[in-house]
Structures are given as structure tokens and as C-alpha cells.
PDB file of all heavy atoms in Angstrom:
ATOM      1  N   LEU A   1      11.719  -1.362   7.091  1.00  0.00           N
ATOM      2  CA  LEU A   1      13.044  -1.800   7.280  1.00  0.00           C
ATOM      3  C   LEU A   1      13.151  -3.322   6.845  1.00  0.00           C
ATOM      4  O   LEU A   1      14.050  -3.690   6.142  1.00  0.00           O
ATOM      5  CB  LEU A   1      13.609  -1.608   8.694  1.00  0.00           C
ATOM      6  CG  LEU A   1      13.652  -0.215   9.245  1.00  0.00           C
ATOM      7  CD1 LEU A   1      13.985  -0.347  10.719  1.00  0.00           C
ATOM      8  CD2 LEU A   1      14.616   0.622   8.469  1.00  0.00           C
ATOM      9  N   ILE A   2      12.193  -4.183   7.223  1.00  0.00           N
ATOM     10  CA  ILE A   2      12.165  -5.506   6.950  1.00  0.00           C
ATOM     11  C   ILE A   2      11.959  -5.658   5.444  1.00  0.00           C
ATOM     12  O   ILE A   2      12.667  -6.604   4.816  1.00  0.00           O
ATOM     13  CB  ILE A   2      10.997  -6.293   7.767  1.00  0.00           C
ATOM     14  CG1 ILE A   2      11.375  -6.234   9.245  1.00  0.00           C
ATOM     15  CG2 ILE A   2      10.854  -7.688   7.206  1.00  0.00           C
ATOM     16  CD1 ILE A   2      10.250  -6.780  10.105  1.00  0.00           C
ATOM     17  N   ALA A   3      11.129  -4.902   4.852  1.00  0.00           N
ATOM     18  CA  ALA A   3      10.830  -4.965   3.371  1.00  0.00           C
ATOM     19  C   ALA A   3      12.102  -4.673   2.573  1.00  0.00           C
ATOM     20  O   ALA A   3      12.295  -5.176   1.520  1.00  0.00           O
ATOM     21  CB  ALA A   3       9.712  -4.115   2.958  1.00  0.00           C
ATOM     22  N   ALA A   4      12.912  -3.760   3.080  1.00  0.00           N
ATOM     23  CA  ALA A   4      14.137  -3.363   2.419  1.00  0.00           C
ATOM     24  C   ALA A   4      15.222  -4.331   2.464  1.00  0.00           C
ATOM     25  O   ALA A   4      16.179  -4.287   1.635  1.00  0.00           O
ATOM     26  CB  ALA A   4      14.608  -1.956   2.852  1.00  0.00           C
ATOM     27  N   TYR A   5      15.106  -5.187   3.412  1.00  0.00           N
ATOM     28  CA  TYR A   5      16.216  -6.221   3.692  1.00  0.00           C
ATOM     29  C   TYR A   5      16.214  -7.215   2.519  1.00  0.00           C
ATOM     30  O   TYR A   5      15.183  -7.876   2.190  1.00  0.00           O
ATOM     31  CB  TYR A   5      15.927  -6.881   5.006  1.00  0.00           C
ATOM     32  CG  TYR A   5      16.732  -8.182   5.169  1.00  0.00           C
ATOM     33  CD1 TYR A   5      18.078  -8.178   5.384  1.00  0.00           C
ATOM     34  CD2 TYR A   5      16.148  -9.418   5.167  1.00  0.00           C
ATOM     35  CE1 TYR A   5      18.840  -9.340   5.601  1.00  0.00           C
ATOM     36  CE2 TYR A   5      16.878 -10.613   5.369  1.00  0.00           C
ATOM     37  CZ  TYR A   5      18.241 -10.455   5.661  1.00  0.00           C
ATOM     38  OH  TYR A   5      19.001 -11.624   5.887  1.00  0.00           O
ATOM     39  N   ASP A   6      17.381  -7.338   1.895  1.00  0.00           N
ATOM     40  CA  ASP A   6      17.685  -8.300   0.821  1.00  0.00           C
ATOM     41  C   ASP A   6      19.112  -8.435   0.586  1.00  0.00           C
ATOM     42  O   ASP A   6      19.678  -7.744  -0.268  1.00  0.00           O
ATOM     43  CB  ASP A   6      16.917  -7.763  -0.521  1.00  0.00           C
ATOM     44  CG  ASP A   6      16.901  -8.819  -1.559  1.00  0.00           C
ATOM     45  OD1 ASP A   6      17.704  -9.846  -1.423  1.00  0.00           O
ATOM     46  OD2 ASP A   6      16.109  -8.829  -2.500  1.00  0.00           O
ATOM     47  N   PRO A   7      19.716  -9.359   1.322  1.00  0.00           N
ATOM     48  CA  PRO A   7      21.194  -9.570   1.247  1.00  0.00           C
ATOM     49  C   PRO A   7      21.663  -9.909  -0.150  1.00  0.00           C
ATOM     50  O   PRO A   7      22.764  -9.647  -0.434  1.00  0.00           O
ATOM     51  CB  PRO A   7      21.506 -10.571   2.368  1.00  0.00           C
ATOM     52  CG  PRO A   7      20.228 -11.298   2.552  1.00  0.00           C
ATOM     53  CD  PRO A   7      19.138 -10.242   2.345  1.00  0.00           C
ATOM     54  N   THR A   8      20.828 -10.576  -0.796  1.00  0.00           N
ATOM     55  CA  THR A   8      21.214 -11.044  -2.307  1.00  0.00           C
ATOM     56  C   THR A   8      21.412  -9.848  -3.167  1.00  0.00           C
ATOM     57  O   THR A   8      22.142  -9.903  -4.190  1.00  0.00           O
ATOM     58  CB  THR A   8      20.230 -11.986  -2.889  1.00  0.00           C
ATOM     59  OG1 THR A   8      18.943 -11.333  -2.999  1.00  0.00           O
ATOM     60  CG2 THR A   8      20.082 -13.170  -2.026  1.00  0.00           C
ATOM     61  N   GLU A   9      20.812  -8.705  -2.835  1.00  0.00           N
ATOM     62  CA  GLU A   9      20.972  -7.503  -3.619  1.00  0.00           C
ATOM     63  C   GLU A   9      21.820  -6.444  -2.878  1.00  0.00           C
ATOM     64  O   GLU A   9      21.854  -5.246  -3.223  1.00  0.00           O
ATOM     65  CB  GLU A   9      19.611  -6.829  -3.894  1.00  0.00           C
ATOM     66  CG  GLU A   9      18.726  -7.681  -4.811  1.00  0.00           C
ATOM     67  CD  GLU A   9      17.652  -6.878  -5.516  1.00  0.00           C
ATOM     68  OE1 GLU A   9      17.392  -5.695  -5.075  1.00  0.00           O
ATOM     69  OE2 GLU A   9      16.994  -7.373  -6.381  1.00  0.00           O
ATOM     70  N   GLY A  10      22.556  -6.937  -1.875  1.00  0.00           N
ATOM     71  CA  GLY A  10      23.615  -6.084  -1.201  1.00  0.00           C
ATOM     72  C   GLY A  10      22.870  -5.202  -0.084  1.00  0.00           C
ATOM     73  O   GLY A  10      23.537  -4.201   0.414  1.00  0.00           O
ATOM     74  N   ARG A  11      21.694  -5.527   0.352  1.00  0.00           N
ATOM     75  CA  ARG A  11      21.020  -4.777   1.359  1.00  0.00           C
ATOM     76  C   ARG A  11      21.070  -5.686   2.713  1.00  0.00           C
ATOM     77  O   ARG A  11      19.944  -6.177   3.086  1.00  0.00           O
ATOM     78  CB  ARG A  11      19.601  -4.375   1.013  1.00  0.00           C
ATOM     79  CG  ARG A  11      19.627  -3.464  -0.219  1.00  0.00           C
ATOM     80  CD  ARG A  11      18.286  -2.781  -0.408  1.00  0.00           C
ATOM     81  NE  ARG A  11      17.126  -3.634  -0.604  1.00  0.00           N
ATOM     82  CZ  ARG A  11      16.693  -4.037  -1.745  1.00  0.00           C
ATOM     83  NH1 ARG A  11      17.359  -3.731  -2.905  1.00  0.00           N
ATOM     84  NH2 ARG A  11      15.641  -4.789  -1.794  1.00  0.00           N
ATOM     85  N   ALA A  12      22.235  -5.848   3.333  1.00  0.00           N
ATOM     86  CA  ALA A  12      22.401  -6.716   4.466  1.00  0.00           C
ATOM     87  C   ALA A  12      22.240  -5.991   5.766  1.00  0.00           C
ATOM     88  O   ALA A  12      22.046  -6.599   6.832  1.00  0.00           O
ATOM     89  CB  ALA A  12      23.651  -7.408   4.383  1.00  0.00           C
ATOM     90  N   ILE A  13      22.355  -4.623   5.788  1.00  0.00           N
ATOM     91  CA  ILE A  13      22.129  -3.812   6.942  1.00  0.00           C
ATOM     92  C   ILE A  13      21.100  -2.747   6.484  1.00  0.00           C
ATOM     93  O   ILE A  13      21.294  -2.079   5.449  1.00  0.00           O
ATOM     94  CB  ILE A  13      23.389  -3.103   7.465  1.00  0.00           C
ATOM     95  CG1 ILE A  13      24.583  -4.154   7.760  1.00  0.00           C
ATOM     96  CG2 ILE A  13      23.103  -2.281   8.641  1.00  0.00           C
ATOM     97  CD1 ILE A  13      25.893  -3.531   8.006  1.00  0.00           C
ATOM     98  N   VAL A  14      20.072  -2.531   7.285  1.00  0.00           N
ATOM     99  CA  VAL A  14      19.122  -1.506   6.962  1.00  0.00           C
ATOM    100  C   VAL A  14      18.897  -0.510   8.010  1.00  0.00           C
ATOM    101  O   VAL A  14      18.650  -0.868   9.169  1.00  0.00           O
ATOM    102  CB  VAL A  14      17.727  -2.228   6.590  1.00  0.00           C
ATOM    103  CG1 VAL A  14      16.681  -1.201   6.035  1.00  0.00           C
ATOM    104  CG2 VAL A  14      17.835  -3.431   5.627  1.00  0.00           C
ATOM    105  N   VAL A  15      18.969   0.766   7.566  1.00  0.00           N
ATOM    106  CA  VAL A  15      18.997   1.852   8.595  1.00  0.00           C
ATOM    107  C   VAL A  15      17.896   2.897   8.203  1.00  0.00           C
ATOM    108  O   VAL A  15      17.844   3.279   7.021  1.00  0.00           O
ATOM    109  CB  VAL A  15      20.387   2.526   8.568  1.00  0.00           C
ATOM    110  CG1 VAL A  15      20.431   3.609   9.686  1.00  0.00           C
ATOM    111  CG2 VAL A  15      21.462   1.508   8.864  1.00  0.00           C
ATOM    112  N   PRO A  16      17.179   3.354   9.185  1.00  0.00           N
ATOM    113  CA  PRO A  16      16.229   4.382   8.824  1.00  0.00           C
ATOM    114  C   PRO A  16      16.889   5.785   8.808  1.00  0.00           C
ATOM    115  O   PRO A  16      17.878   6.041   9.607  1.00  0.00           O
ATOM    116  CB  PRO A  16      15.137   4.297  10.018  1.00  0.00           C
ATOM    117  CG  PRO A  16      15.993   3.816  11.181  1.00  0.00           C
ATOM    118  CD  PRO A  16      17.048   2.881  10.585  1.00  0.00           C
ATOM    119  N   VAL A  17      16.455   6.671   7.920  1.00  0.00           N
ATOM    120  CA  VAL A  17      17.007   8.023   7.772  1.00  0.00           C
ATOM    121  C   VAL A  17      15.915   8.990   7.790  1.00  0.00           C
ATOM    122  O   VAL A  17      14.892   8.829   7.072  1.00  0.00           O
ATOM    123  CB  VAL A  17      17.845   8.085   6.432  1.00  0.00           C
ATOM    124  CG1 VAL A  17      18.430   9.435   6.223  1.00  0.00           C
ATOM    125  CG2 VAL A  17      18.966   7.041   6.480  1.00  0.00           C
ATOM    126  N   HIS A  18      16.118  10.113   8.480  1.00  0.00           N
ATOM    127  CA  HIS A  18      15.200  11.207   8.457  1.00  0.00           C
ATOM    128  C   HIS A  18      16.025  12.481   8.453  1.00  0.00           C
ATOM    129  O   HIS A  18      16.970  12.751   9.310  1.00  0.00           O
ATOM    130  CB  HIS A  18      14.250  11.242   9.629  1.00  0.00           C
ATOM    131  CG  HIS A  18      13.228  12.410   9.613  1.00  0.00           C
ATOM    132  ND1 HIS A  18      12.236  12.398   8.688  1.00  0.00           N
ATOM    133  CD2 HIS A  18      13.159  13.513  10.306  1.00  0.00           C
ATOM    134  CE1 HIS A  18      11.527  13.495   8.874  1.00  0.00           C
ATOM    135  NE2 HIS A  18      12.047  14.191   9.840  1.00  0.00           N
ATOM    136  N   GLY A  19      15.725  13.371   7.454  1.00  0.00           N
ATOM    137  CA  GLY A  19      16.457  14.690   7.441  1.00  0.00           C
ATOM    138  C   GLY A  19      17.857  14.480   7.106  1.00  0.00           C
ATOM    139  O   GLY A  19      18.795  15.283   7.620  1.00  0.00           O
ATOM    140  N   GLY A  20      18.239  13.362   6.433  1.00  0.00           N
ATOM    141  CA  GLY A  20      19.719  13.076   6.084  1.00  0.00           C
ATOM    142  C   GLY A  20      20.470  12.521   7.217  1.00  0.00           C
ATOM    143  O   GLY A  20      21.685  12.258   7.111  1.00  0.00           O
ATOM    144  N   LYS A  21      19.828  12.152   8.315  1.00  0.00           N
ATOM    145  CA  LYS A  21      20.524  11.656   9.475  1.00  0.00           C
ATOM    146  C   LYS A  21      19.957  10.256   9.871  1.00  0.00           C
ATOM    147  O   LYS A  21      18.806  10.067   9.859  1.00  0.00           O
ATOM    148  CB  LYS A  21      20.308  12.574  10.768  1.00  0.00           C
ATOM    149  CG  LYS A  21      21.072  12.101  12.036  1.00  0.00           C
ATOM    150  CD  LYS A  21      20.692  13.109  13.153  1.00  0.00           C
ATOM    151  CE  LYS A  21      21.278  12.567  14.469  1.00  0.00           C
ATOM    152  NZ  LYS A  21      20.980  13.503  15.596  1.00  0.00           N
ATOM    153  N   ARG A  22      20.978   9.322  10.079  1.00  0.00           N
ATOM    154  CA  ARG A  22      20.550   7.964  10.397  1.00  0.00           C
ATOM    155  C   ARG A  22      20.043   7.848  11.758  1.00  0.00           C
ATOM    156  O   ARG A  22      20.472   8.594  12.692  1.00  0.00           O
ATOM    157  CB  ARG A  22      21.767   7.026  10.166  1.00  0.00           C
ATOM    158  CG  ARG A  22      22.120   6.779   8.748  1.00  0.00           C
ATOM    159  CD  ARG A  22      23.338   5.975   8.562  1.00  0.00           C
ATOM    160  NE  ARG A  22      23.673   5.523   7.232  1.00  0.00           N
ATOM    161  CZ  ARG A  22      24.708   4.961   6.725  1.00  0.00           C
ATOM    162  NH1 ARG A  22      25.568   4.539   7.659  1.00  0.00           N
ATOM    163  NH2 ARG A  22      24.907   4.761   5.565  1.00  0.00           N
ATOM    164  N   GLY A  23      19.191   6.925  12.061  1.00  0.00           N
ATOM    165  CA  GLY A  23      18.630   6.680  13.348  1.00  0.00           C
ATOM    166  C   GLY A  23      18.453   5.209  13.724  1.00  0.00           C
ATOM    167  O   GLY A  23      19.251   4.366  13.220  1.00  0.00           O
ATOM    168  N   ASN A  24      17.567   4.883  14.557  1.00  0.00           N
ATOM    169  CA  ASN A  24      17.224   3.490  15.006  1.00  0.00           C
ATOM    170  C   ASN A  24      15.795   3.171  14.805  1.00  0.00           C
ATOM    171  O   ASN A  24      14.999   4.174  14.704  1.00  0.00           O
ATOM    172  CB  ASN A  24      17.555   3.374  16.501  1.00  0.00           C
ATOM    173  CG  ASN A  24      19.010   3.365  16.773  1.00  0.00           C
ATOM    174  OD1 ASN A  24      19.774   2.380  16.440  1.00  0.00           O
ATOM    175  ND2 ASN A  24      19.598   4.491  17.410  1.00  0.00           N
ATOM    176  N   PRO A  25      15.486   1.877  14.764  1.00  0.00           N
ATOM    177  CA  PRO A  25      16.296   0.683  14.890  1.00  0.00           C
ATOM    178  C   PRO A  25      17.006   0.322  13.698  1.00  0.00           C
ATOM    179  O   PRO A  25      16.870   0.990  12.599  1.00  0.00           O
ATOM    180  CB  PRO A  25      15.195  -0.363  15.098  1.00  0.00           C
ATOM    181  CG  PRO A  25      13.863   0.328  15.360  1.00  0.00           C
ATOM    182  CD  PRO A  25      13.953   1.638  14.587  1.00  0.00           C
ATOM    183  N   ILE A  26      18.022  -0.552  13.761  1.00  0.00           N
ATOM    184  CA  ILE A  26      18.812  -1.066  12.700  1.00  0.00           C
ATOM    185  C   ILE A  26      18.602  -2.545  12.536  1.00  0.00           C
ATOM    186  O   ILE A  26      18.669  -3.255  13.494  1.00  0.00           O
ATOM    187  CB  ILE A  26      20.242  -0.700  12.908  1.00  0.00           C
ATOM    188  CG1 ILE A  26      20.474   0.841  13.101  1.00  0.00           C
ATOM    189  CG2 ILE A  26      21.156  -1.252  11.752  1.00  0.00           C
ATOM    190  CD1 ILE A  26      21.948   1.267  13.359  1.00  0.00           C
ATOM    191  N   LEU A  27      18.551  -2.993  11.285  1.00  0.00           N
ATOM    192  CA  LEU A  27      18.260  -4.406  11.007  1.00  0.00           C
ATOM    193  C   LEU A  27      19.712  -4.940  10.493  1.00  0.00           C
ATOM    194  O   LEU A  27      20.269  -4.369   9.680  1.00  0.00           O
ATOM    195  CB  LEU A  27      17.282  -4.585   9.953  1.00  0.00           C
ATOM    196  CG  LEU A  27      16.905  -6.022   9.656  1.00  0.00           C
ATOM    197  CD1 LEU A  27      15.411  -6.118   9.172  1.00  0.00           C
ATOM    198  CD2 LEU A  27      17.744  -6.532   8.399  1.00  0.00           C
ATOM    199  N   TRP A  28      20.147  -6.057  11.017  1.00  0.00           N
ATOM    200  CA  TRP A  28      21.394  -6.710  10.770  1.00  0.00           C
ATOM    201  C   TRP A  28      21.161  -8.121  10.210  1.00  0.00           C
ATOM    202  O   TRP A  28      20.473  -8.955  10.786  1.00  0.00           O
ATOM    203  CB  TRP A  28      22.261  -6.846  12.036  1.00  0.00           C
ATOM    204  CG  TRP A  28      22.580  -5.484  12.640  1.00  0.00           C
ATOM    205  CD1 TRP A  28      21.856  -4.854  13.503  1.00  0.00           C
ATOM    206  CD2 TRP A  28      23.735  -4.635  12.365  1.00  0.00           C
ATOM    207  NE1 TRP A  28      22.453  -3.617  13.891  1.00  0.00           N
ATOM    208  CE2 TRP A  28      23.611  -3.579  13.222  1.00  0.00           C
ATOM    209  CE3 TRP A  28      24.868  -4.871  11.540  1.00  0.00           C
ATOM    210  CZ2 TRP A  28      24.584  -2.560  13.141  1.00  0.00           C
ATOM    211  CZ3 TRP A  28      25.813  -3.879  11.583  1.00  0.00           C
ATOM    212  CH2 TRP A  28      25.740  -2.761  12.436  1.00  0.00           C
ATOM    213  N   ASP A  29      21.820  -8.483   9.032  1.00  0.00           N
ATOM    214  CA  ASP A  29      21.767  -9.776   8.506  1.00  0.00           C
ATOM    215  C   ASP A  29      22.542 -10.752   9.434  1.00  0.00           C
ATOM    216  O   ASP A  29      23.430 -10.356  10.179  1.00  0.00           O
ATOM    217  CB  ASP A  29      22.442  -9.725   7.103  1.00  0.00           C
ATOM    218  CG  ASP A  29      22.447 -11.086   6.386  1.00  0.00           C
ATOM    219  OD1 ASP A  29      21.318 -11.527   6.107  1.00  0.00           O
ATOM    220  OD2 ASP A  29      23.547 -11.681   6.190  1.00  0.00           O
ATOM    221  N   HIS A  30      22.247 -11.968   9.270  1.00  0.00           N
ATOM    222  CA  HIS A  30      22.925 -12.970  10.080  1.00  0.00           C
ATOM    223  C   HIS A  30      24.357 -13.107   9.995  1.00  0.00           C
ATOM    224  O   HIS A  30      25.114 -13.621  10.938  1.00  0.00           O
ATOM    225  CB  HIS A  30      22.326 -14.447   9.888  1.00  0.00           C
ATOM    226  CG  HIS A  30      22.611 -14.973   8.593  1.00  0.00           C
ATOM    227  ND1 HIS A  30      21.821 -14.742   7.398  1.00  0.00           N
ATOM    228  CD2 HIS A  30      23.592 -15.754   8.134  1.00  0.00           C
ATOM    229  CE1 HIS A  30      22.372 -15.376   6.358  1.00  0.00           C
ATOM    230  NE2 HIS A  30      23.445 -16.018   6.848  1.00  0.00           N
ATOM    231  N   ARG A  31      24.944 -12.596   8.798  1.00  0.00           N
ATOM    232  CA  ARG A  31      26.393 -12.706   8.711  1.00  0.00           C
ATOM    233  C   ARG A  31      27.118 -11.873   9.709  1.00  0.00           C
ATOM    234  O   ARG A  31      28.329 -11.957   9.976  1.00  0.00           O
ATOM    235  CB  ARG A  31      26.765 -12.221   7.320  1.00  0.00           C
ATOM    236  CG  ARG A  31      26.779 -10.812   7.112  1.00  0.00           C
ATOM    237  CD  ARG A  31      27.080 -10.406   5.644  1.00  0.00           C
ATOM    238  NE  ARG A  31      26.022 -10.785   4.693  1.00  0.00           N
ATOM    239  CZ  ARG A  31      25.983 -10.528   3.327  1.00  0.00           C
ATOM    240  NH1 ARG A  31      27.132  -9.995   2.894  1.00  0.00           N
ATOM    241  NH2 ARG A  31      25.039 -10.884   2.596  1.00  0.00           N
ATOM    242  N   PHE A  32      26.416 -10.870  10.434  1.00  0.00           N
ATOM    243  CA  PHE A  32      27.013 -10.041  11.345  1.00  0.00           C
ATOM    244  C   PHE A  32      26.765 -10.412  12.849  1.00  0.00           C
ATOM    245  O   PHE A  32      27.199  -9.715  13.673  1.00  0.00           O
ATOM    246  CB  PHE A  32      26.441  -8.564  11.209  1.00  0.00           C
ATOM    247  CG  PHE A  32      26.737  -8.005   9.824  1.00  0.00           C
ATOM    248  CD1 PHE A  32      25.761  -7.848   8.896  1.00  0.00           C
ATOM    249  CD2 PHE A  32      28.024  -7.632   9.462  1.00  0.00           C
ATOM    250  CE1 PHE A  32      26.124  -7.365   7.564  1.00  0.00           C
ATOM    251  CE2 PHE A  32      28.374  -7.110   8.303  1.00  0.00           C
ATOM    252  CZ  PHE A  32      27.342  -6.965   7.313  1.00  0.00           C
ATOM    253  N   PHE A  33      26.065 -11.588  13.025  1.00  0.00           N
ATOM    254  CA  PHE A  33      25.726 -11.916  14.354  1.00  0.00           C
ATOM    255  C   PHE A  33      26.885 -12.193  15.266  1.00  0.00           C
ATOM    256  O   PHE A  33      26.965 -11.749  16.382  1.00  0.00           O
ATOM    257  CB  PHE A  33      24.832 -13.225  14.399  1.00  0.00           C
ATOM    258  CG  PHE A  33      23.427 -12.968  13.915  1.00  0.00           C
ATOM    259  CD1 PHE A  33      23.022 -11.705  13.424  1.00  0.00           C
ATOM    260  CD2 PHE A  33      22.462 -14.015  13.843  1.00  0.00           C
ATOM    261  CE1 PHE A  33      21.671 -11.539  12.999  1.00  0.00           C
ATOM    262  CE2 PHE A  33      21.157 -13.757  13.403  1.00  0.00           C
ATOM    263  CZ  PHE A  33      20.802 -12.576  12.985  1.00  0.00           C
ATOM    264  N   GLU A  34      27.923 -12.770  14.695  1.00  0.00           N
ATOM    265  CA  GLU A  34      29.203 -13.061  15.525  1.00  0.00           C
ATOM    266  C   GLU A  34      29.806 -11.742  15.907  1.00  0.00           C
ATOM    267  O   GLU A  34      30.294 -11.543  17.056  1.00  0.00           O
ATOM    268  CB  GLU A  34      30.102 -13.976  14.780  1.00  0.00           C
ATOM    269  CG  GLU A  34      29.586 -15.369  14.670  1.00  0.00           C
ATOM    270  CD  GLU A  34      30.688 -16.301  13.946  1.00  0.00           C
ATOM    271  OE1 GLU A  34      31.794 -15.858  13.902  1.00  0.00           O
ATOM    272  OE2 GLU A  34      30.349 -17.461  13.749  1.00  0.00           O
TER     273      GLU A  34
END
């Protein structure tokens, strides 16, 4: 998840997926902290 994080390329939220279904944990860029 951390490796996929790259807000400059539009990857500001990173979500794991298995079997087509999203799960946890989720990574959030600092722009969403507020």
C-alpha cells in the first residue's frame, strides 16, 4: 500500500482489493486529514 502511494500521479488514497472487493487498511494522503 505504501509503495503504491504517489499523490503526484493521482494515487492519494490506496485501498487493498481481493476478489474484486475493497478491504482494509486504507492509506490516506495528508490532504484528507482535516
